[in-house]
């Protein structure tokens, strides 16, 4: 039996992944703002510290895997600063803090980016602040963005995981990511209340070869593969789980 820790585990992709891992006789430590083994607000440093402390208490012998799934969607009315704190800093600070536990068992990390990440500009100043780990500066920039902070944060996550792949790998830890497209989860469902957002989703699907929303289990399948020993020689990579949207819109980008 292996032991995994998942943030954002109470719903959506996190709940689907947790169910899959549990069904395979693994132990899952769920972390979320409610309805989880560990209840913590990962948009705050206090919440992150609480979560890490409780994970250490539950898995003193180490973790086989960690998946920071907790996040907020763009276009759902969330403050840019809150989204940035949770989506980026909640993920990387938790990962860095759990690195010793992962090293004990040569564990694996899977970050959650988005197929919208490449839609942002690599020159966005928010990305530099994020990668510097300067949360105060990043929040100041995010507060003045014009709705692009979600995409910039998801691009930065990919940059971050690729930059960490060498050092983590030398400790026996593989670190990869998935980049989902629009997925049928409560996060996307919440966009129905925001004028124009579902039209935007429909526009994305019109450019997607497999012309439908993804399902939470389909994204969880890819994450579970990357966590598994079947992916033992894969590190520093990102799998697009988006029905072919990235291939269709960035055909010659490799």
Protein backbone atom coordinates (compact mmCIF):
# COMPACT_ATOMS: atom_id res chain seq x y z
CA UNK A 1 0.00 0.00 0.00
CA UNK A 2 1.25 3.43 -0.94
CA UNK A 3 0.40 6.76 0.63
CA UNK A 4 -0.49 9.89 -1.30
CA UNK A 5 -1.41 13.43 -0.29
CA UNK A 6 -3.81 15.43 -2.46
CA UNK A 7 -4.87 19.04 -2.07
CA UNK A 8 -8.19 20.14 -3.54
CA UNK A 9 -9.36 16.60 -2.85
CA UNK A 10 -12.96 17.34 -1.88
CA UNK A 11 -14.34 17.78 -5.40
CA UNK A 12 -13.67 17.65 -9.10
CA UNK A 13 -10.44 16.10 -10.34
CA UNK A 14 -9.11 15.75 -6.79
CA UNK A 15 -12.10 13.71 -5.68
CA UNK A 16 -11.88 11.53 -8.80
CA UNK A 17 -8.17 10.90 -8.27
CA UNK A 18 -8.66 10.16 -4.58
CA UNK A 19 -11.34 7.59 -5.40
CA UNK A 20 -9.12 5.91 -7.98
CA UNK A 21 -6.14 5.68 -5.63
CA UNK A 22 -8.28 4.44 -2.76
CA UNK A 23 -9.88 1.79 -4.97
CA UNK A 24 -6.37 0.50 -5.70
CA UNK A 25 -5.83 -0.03 -1.94
CA UNK A 26 -3.69 3.04 -1.38
CA UNK A 27 -3.94 5.46 1.53
CA UNK A 28 -4.98 8.97 0.56
CA UNK A 29 -4.52 12.03 2.77
CA UNK A 30 -7.03 14.60 1.54
CA UNK A 31 -6.48 18.32 2.07
CA UNK A 32 -9.07 20.96 1.26
CA UNK A 33 -10.79 23.99 2.68
CA UNK A 34 -13.66 21.70 3.80
CA UNK A 35 -14.72 18.05 3.77
CA UNK A 36 -11.20 16.63 3.97
CA UNK A 37 -8.87 14.78 6.34
CA UNK A 38 -6.96 18.00 6.78
CA UNK A 39 -8.92 21.23 6.55
CA UNK A 40 -6.73 24.20 5.67
CA UNK A 41 -6.81 27.37 3.57
CA UNK A 42 -3.81 26.94 1.26
CA UNK A 43 -4.11 30.50 0.01
CA UNK A 44 -2.48 31.51 3.31
CA UNK A 45 0.93 30.73 4.75
CA UNK A 46 -0.70 29.66 8.02
CA UNK A 47 -2.94 27.22 6.19
CA UNK A 48 0.00 25.76 4.25
CA UNK A 49 2.03 25.34 7.41
CA UNK A 50 -0.90 23.65 9.16
CA UNK A 51 -1.41 21.25 6.25
CA UNK A 52 2.28 20.33 6.05
CA UNK A 53 2.48 19.75 9.79
CA UNK A 54 -0.52 17.43 9.73
CA UNK A 55 0.73 15.54 6.67
CA UNK A 56 4.05 14.95 8.43
CA UNK A 57 2.18 13.57 11.43
CA UNK A 58 0.12 11.22 9.25
CA UNK A 59 2.98 10.04 7.02
CA UNK A 60 6.17 10.09 9.12
CA UNK A 61 7.74 7.35 6.98
CA UNK A 62 7.32 9.38 3.81
CA UNK A 63 5.01 9.98 0.85
CA UNK A 64 4.80 8.01 -2.37
CA UNK A 65 3.20 10.93 -4.13
CA UNK A 66 1.87 14.46 -3.80
CA UNK A 67 -0.60 16.21 -6.09
CA UNK A 68 -1.40 19.88 -5.38
CA UNK A 69 -4.77 20.16 -7.10
CA UNK A 70 -6.27 23.00 -5.06
CA UNK A 71 -7.08 25.96 -7.26
CA UNK A 72 -9.57 28.54 -8.40
CA UNK A 73 -10.84 29.07 -11.94
CA UNK A 74 -10.44 32.17 -14.03
CA UNK A 75 -13.63 34.04 -14.81
CA UNK A 76 -15.53 32.94 -11.72
CA UNK A 77 -15.23 36.26 -9.91
CA UNK A 78 -12.34 35.36 -7.60
CA UNK A 79 -9.87 38.07 -6.69
CA UNK A 80 -6.68 37.88 -8.73
CA UNK A 81 -4.62 37.95 -5.55
CA UNK A 82 -6.51 35.04 -3.99
CA UNK A 83 -6.21 33.01 -7.18
CA UNK A 84 -2.47 33.67 -7.37
CA UNK A 85 -1.83 32.78 -3.74
CA UNK A 86 -3.71 29.50 -3.99
CA UNK A 87 -2.98 28.33 -7.54
CA UNK A 88 0.75 29.04 -7.54
CA UNK A 89 2.12 29.58 -4.05
CA UNK A 90 -0.19 27.02 -2.47
CA UNK A 91 1.21 24.45 -4.89
CA UNK A 92 4.93 25.21 -4.84
CA UNK A 93 5.27 25.94 -1.12
CA UNK A 94 3.48 22.73 -0.23
CA UNK A 95 5.65 20.79 -2.67
CA UNK A 96 8.89 22.27 -1.37
CA UNK A 97 7.87 21.66 2.24
CA UNK A 98 6.98 18.02 1.53
CA UNK A 99 10.16 17.35 -0.43
CA UNK A 100 11.89 15.51 2.47
CA UNK A 101 8.90 13.19 2.88
CA UNK A 102 8.86 12.48 -0.85
CA UNK A 103 12.61 11.81 -0.87
CA UNK A 104 12.18 9.13 1.82
CA UNK A 105 10.15 6.99 -0.57
CA UNK A 106 11.40 8.24 -3.97
CA UNK A 107 7.97 9.71 -4.45
CA UNK A 108 6.41 11.54 -7.35
CA UNK A 109 4.84 14.99 -7.74
CA UNK A 110 2.25 15.93 -10.33
CA UNK A 111 1.42 19.62 -10.73
CA UNK A 112 -1.77 20.85 -12.39
CA UNK A 113 -1.28 23.46 -15.08
CA UNK A 114 -3.78 24.25 -17.85
CA UNK A 115 -3.92 24.22 -21.61
CA UNK A 116 -4.57 27.96 -21.25
CA UNK A 117 -1.04 28.47 -19.90
CA UNK A 118 0.48 28.85 -23.38
CA UNK A 119 -2.10 31.57 -24.12
CA UNK A 120 -0.23 33.89 -21.73
CA UNK A 121 2.84 35.89 -22.67
CA UNK A 122 6.17 34.47 -21.49
CA UNK A 123 7.18 38.09 -20.90
CA UNK A 124 4.39 38.78 -18.40
CA UNK A 125 6.12 40.34 -15.36
CA UNK A 126 3.90 38.26 -13.09
CA UNK A 127 5.73 35.13 -14.20
CA UNK A 128 9.10 36.49 -13.10
CA UNK A 129 7.75 37.46 -9.67
CA UNK A 130 6.16 34.04 -9.24
CA UNK A 131 9.34 32.19 -10.15
CA UNK A 132 11.34 34.37 -7.77
CA UNK A 133 9.01 33.20 -5.01
CA UNK A 134 8.17 36.78 -4.13
CA UNK A 135 4.54 36.43 -3.11
CA UNK A 136 4.09 40.07 -2.06
CA UNK A 137 5.41 41.38 -5.39
CA UNK A 138 3.43 38.80 -7.34
CA UNK A 139 0.19 39.77 -5.62
CA UNK A 140 0.79 43.44 -6.38
CA UNK A 141 1.27 42.65 -10.06
CA UNK A 142 -1.67 40.22 -10.15
CA UNK A 143 -3.99 42.85 -8.69
CA UNK A 144 -3.29 45.03 -11.72
CA UNK A 145 -3.52 42.31 -14.38
CA UNK A 146 -6.48 42.33 -16.74
CA UNK A 147 -7.76 38.79 -16.32
CA UNK A 148 -4.53 37.12 -17.46
CA UNK A 149 -3.21 36.15 -14.04
CA UNK A 150 -4.69 32.65 -14.18
CA UNK A 151 -2.95 31.80 -17.44
CA UNK A 152 0.32 33.39 -16.36
CA UNK A 153 0.25 31.42 -13.13
CA UNK A 154 -0.31 28.15 -15.00
CA UNK A 155 2.59 28.91 -17.36
CA UNK A 156 4.78 29.71 -14.35
CA UNK A 157 3.91 26.36 -12.74
CA UNK A 158 5.28 24.55 -15.81
CA UNK A 159 8.44 26.64 -15.78
CA UNK A 160 8.84 25.95 -12.08
CA UNK A 161 8.41 22.18 -12.29
CA UNK A 162 10.84 21.90 -15.20
CA UNK A 163 13.41 23.96 -13.34
CA UNK A 164 13.05 21.70 -10.30
CA UNK A 165 13.24 18.41 -12.21
CA UNK A 166 17.02 18.08 -11.94
CA UNK A 167 17.44 18.72 -8.21
CA UNK A 168 14.32 16.77 -7.29
CA UNK A 169 15.39 13.95 -9.58
CA UNK A 170 18.76 13.65 -7.88
CA UNK A 171 16.80 12.96 -4.68
CA UNK A 172 14.80 10.25 -6.42
CA UNK A 173 11.69 12.43 -6.85
CA UNK A 174 10.01 12.67 -10.24
CA UNK A 175 8.09 15.88 -10.90
CA UNK A 176 5.67 16.22 -13.80
CA UNK A 177 2.46 18.01 -14.68
CA UNK A 178 -0.84 17.78 -16.51
CA UNK A 179 -2.48 20.56 -18.50
CA UNK A 180 -6.23 19.94 -18.66
CA UNK A 181 -8.59 21.72 -20.99
CA UNK A 182 -12.14 22.65 -19.87
CA UNK A 183 -13.26 19.78 -17.66
CA UNK A 184 -16.72 18.92 -16.36
CA UNK A 185 -16.13 19.81 -12.70
CA UNK A 186 -17.75 22.17 -10.17
CA UNK A 187 -15.03 24.70 -11.11
CA UNK A 188 -16.30 24.91 -14.70
CA UNK A 189 -19.93 24.62 -13.61
CA UNK A 190 -19.45 27.78 -11.55
CA UNK A 191 -18.68 29.69 -14.74
CA UNK A 192 -22.31 29.33 -15.82
CA UNK A 193 -23.16 32.20 -13.50
CA UNK A 194 -20.61 34.52 -15.11
CA UNK A 195 -21.89 36.32 -18.24
CA UNK A 196 -20.01 35.32 -21.35
CA UNK A 197 -17.85 32.64 -19.75
CA UNK A 198 -19.74 29.63 -21.08
CA UNK A 199 -19.60 31.22 -24.54
CA UNK A 200 -15.83 31.31 -24.12
CA UNK A 201 -15.81 27.64 -23.13
CA UNK A 202 -17.92 26.78 -26.17
CA UNK A 203 -15.47 28.71 -28.33
CA UNK A 204 -12.59 26.61 -26.98
CA UNK A 205 -14.49 23.39 -27.59
CA UNK A 206 -15.18 24.45 -31.18
CA UNK A 207 -11.39 24.42 -31.71
CA UNK A 208 -10.95 21.08 -29.89
CA UNK A 209 -10.68 17.94 -32.05
CA UNK A 210 -12.57 15.90 -29.44
CA UNK A 211 -15.40 18.43 -29.22
CA UNK A 212 -16.59 18.04 -25.63
CA UNK A 213 -15.64 18.82 -22.06
CA UNK A 214 -13.16 16.51 -20.44
CA UNK A 215 -14.24 14.37 -17.50
CA UNK A 216 -12.61 14.47 -14.09
CA UNK A 217 -11.73 10.77 -14.32
CA UNK A 218 -9.93 11.34 -17.62
CA UNK A 219 -7.60 13.90 -16.06
CA UNK A 220 -7.21 11.73 -12.95
CA UNK A 221 -6.17 8.82 -15.19
CA UNK A 222 -3.24 10.84 -16.54
CA UNK A 223 -2.20 11.99 -13.08
CA UNK A 224 -2.39 8.45 -11.72
CA UNK A 225 -0.18 7.23 -14.58
CA UNK A 226 2.45 9.89 -13.84
CA UNK A 227 2.40 8.91 -10.17
CA UNK A 228 2.85 5.24 -11.01
CA UNK A 229 5.93 3.11 -11.53
CA UNK A 230 4.85 2.75 -15.16
CA UNK A 231 6.05 6.35 -15.59
CA UNK A 232 9.36 5.69 -13.79
CA UNK A 233 11.51 7.35 -16.50
CA UNK A 234 9.29 10.37 -17.05
CA UNK A 235 10.25 13.59 -15.28
CA UNK A 236 10.02 17.28 -16.07
CA UNK A 237 7.19 16.74 -18.54
CA UNK A 238 3.62 17.94 -19.00
CA UNK A 239 0.78 15.89 -20.50
CA UNK A 240 -1.97 17.92 -22.19
CA UNK A 241 -5.32 16.32 -21.30
CA UNK A 242 -7.39 18.63 -23.47
CA UNK A 243 -8.98 16.65 -26.29
CA UNK A 244 -6.28 17.77 -28.71
CA UNK A 245 -6.78 21.54 -28.32
CA UNK A 246 -3.08 22.30 -27.84
CA UNK A 247 -2.10 20.23 -30.87
CA UNK A 248 -4.76 21.89 -33.00
CA UNK A 249 -3.86 25.46 -32.01
CA UNK A 250 -0.08 25.16 -31.63
CA UNK A 251 0.56 22.51 -34.25
CA UNK A 252 4.26 23.15 -34.82
CA UNK A 253 5.24 24.02 -31.23
CA UNK A 254 7.34 21.25 -29.72
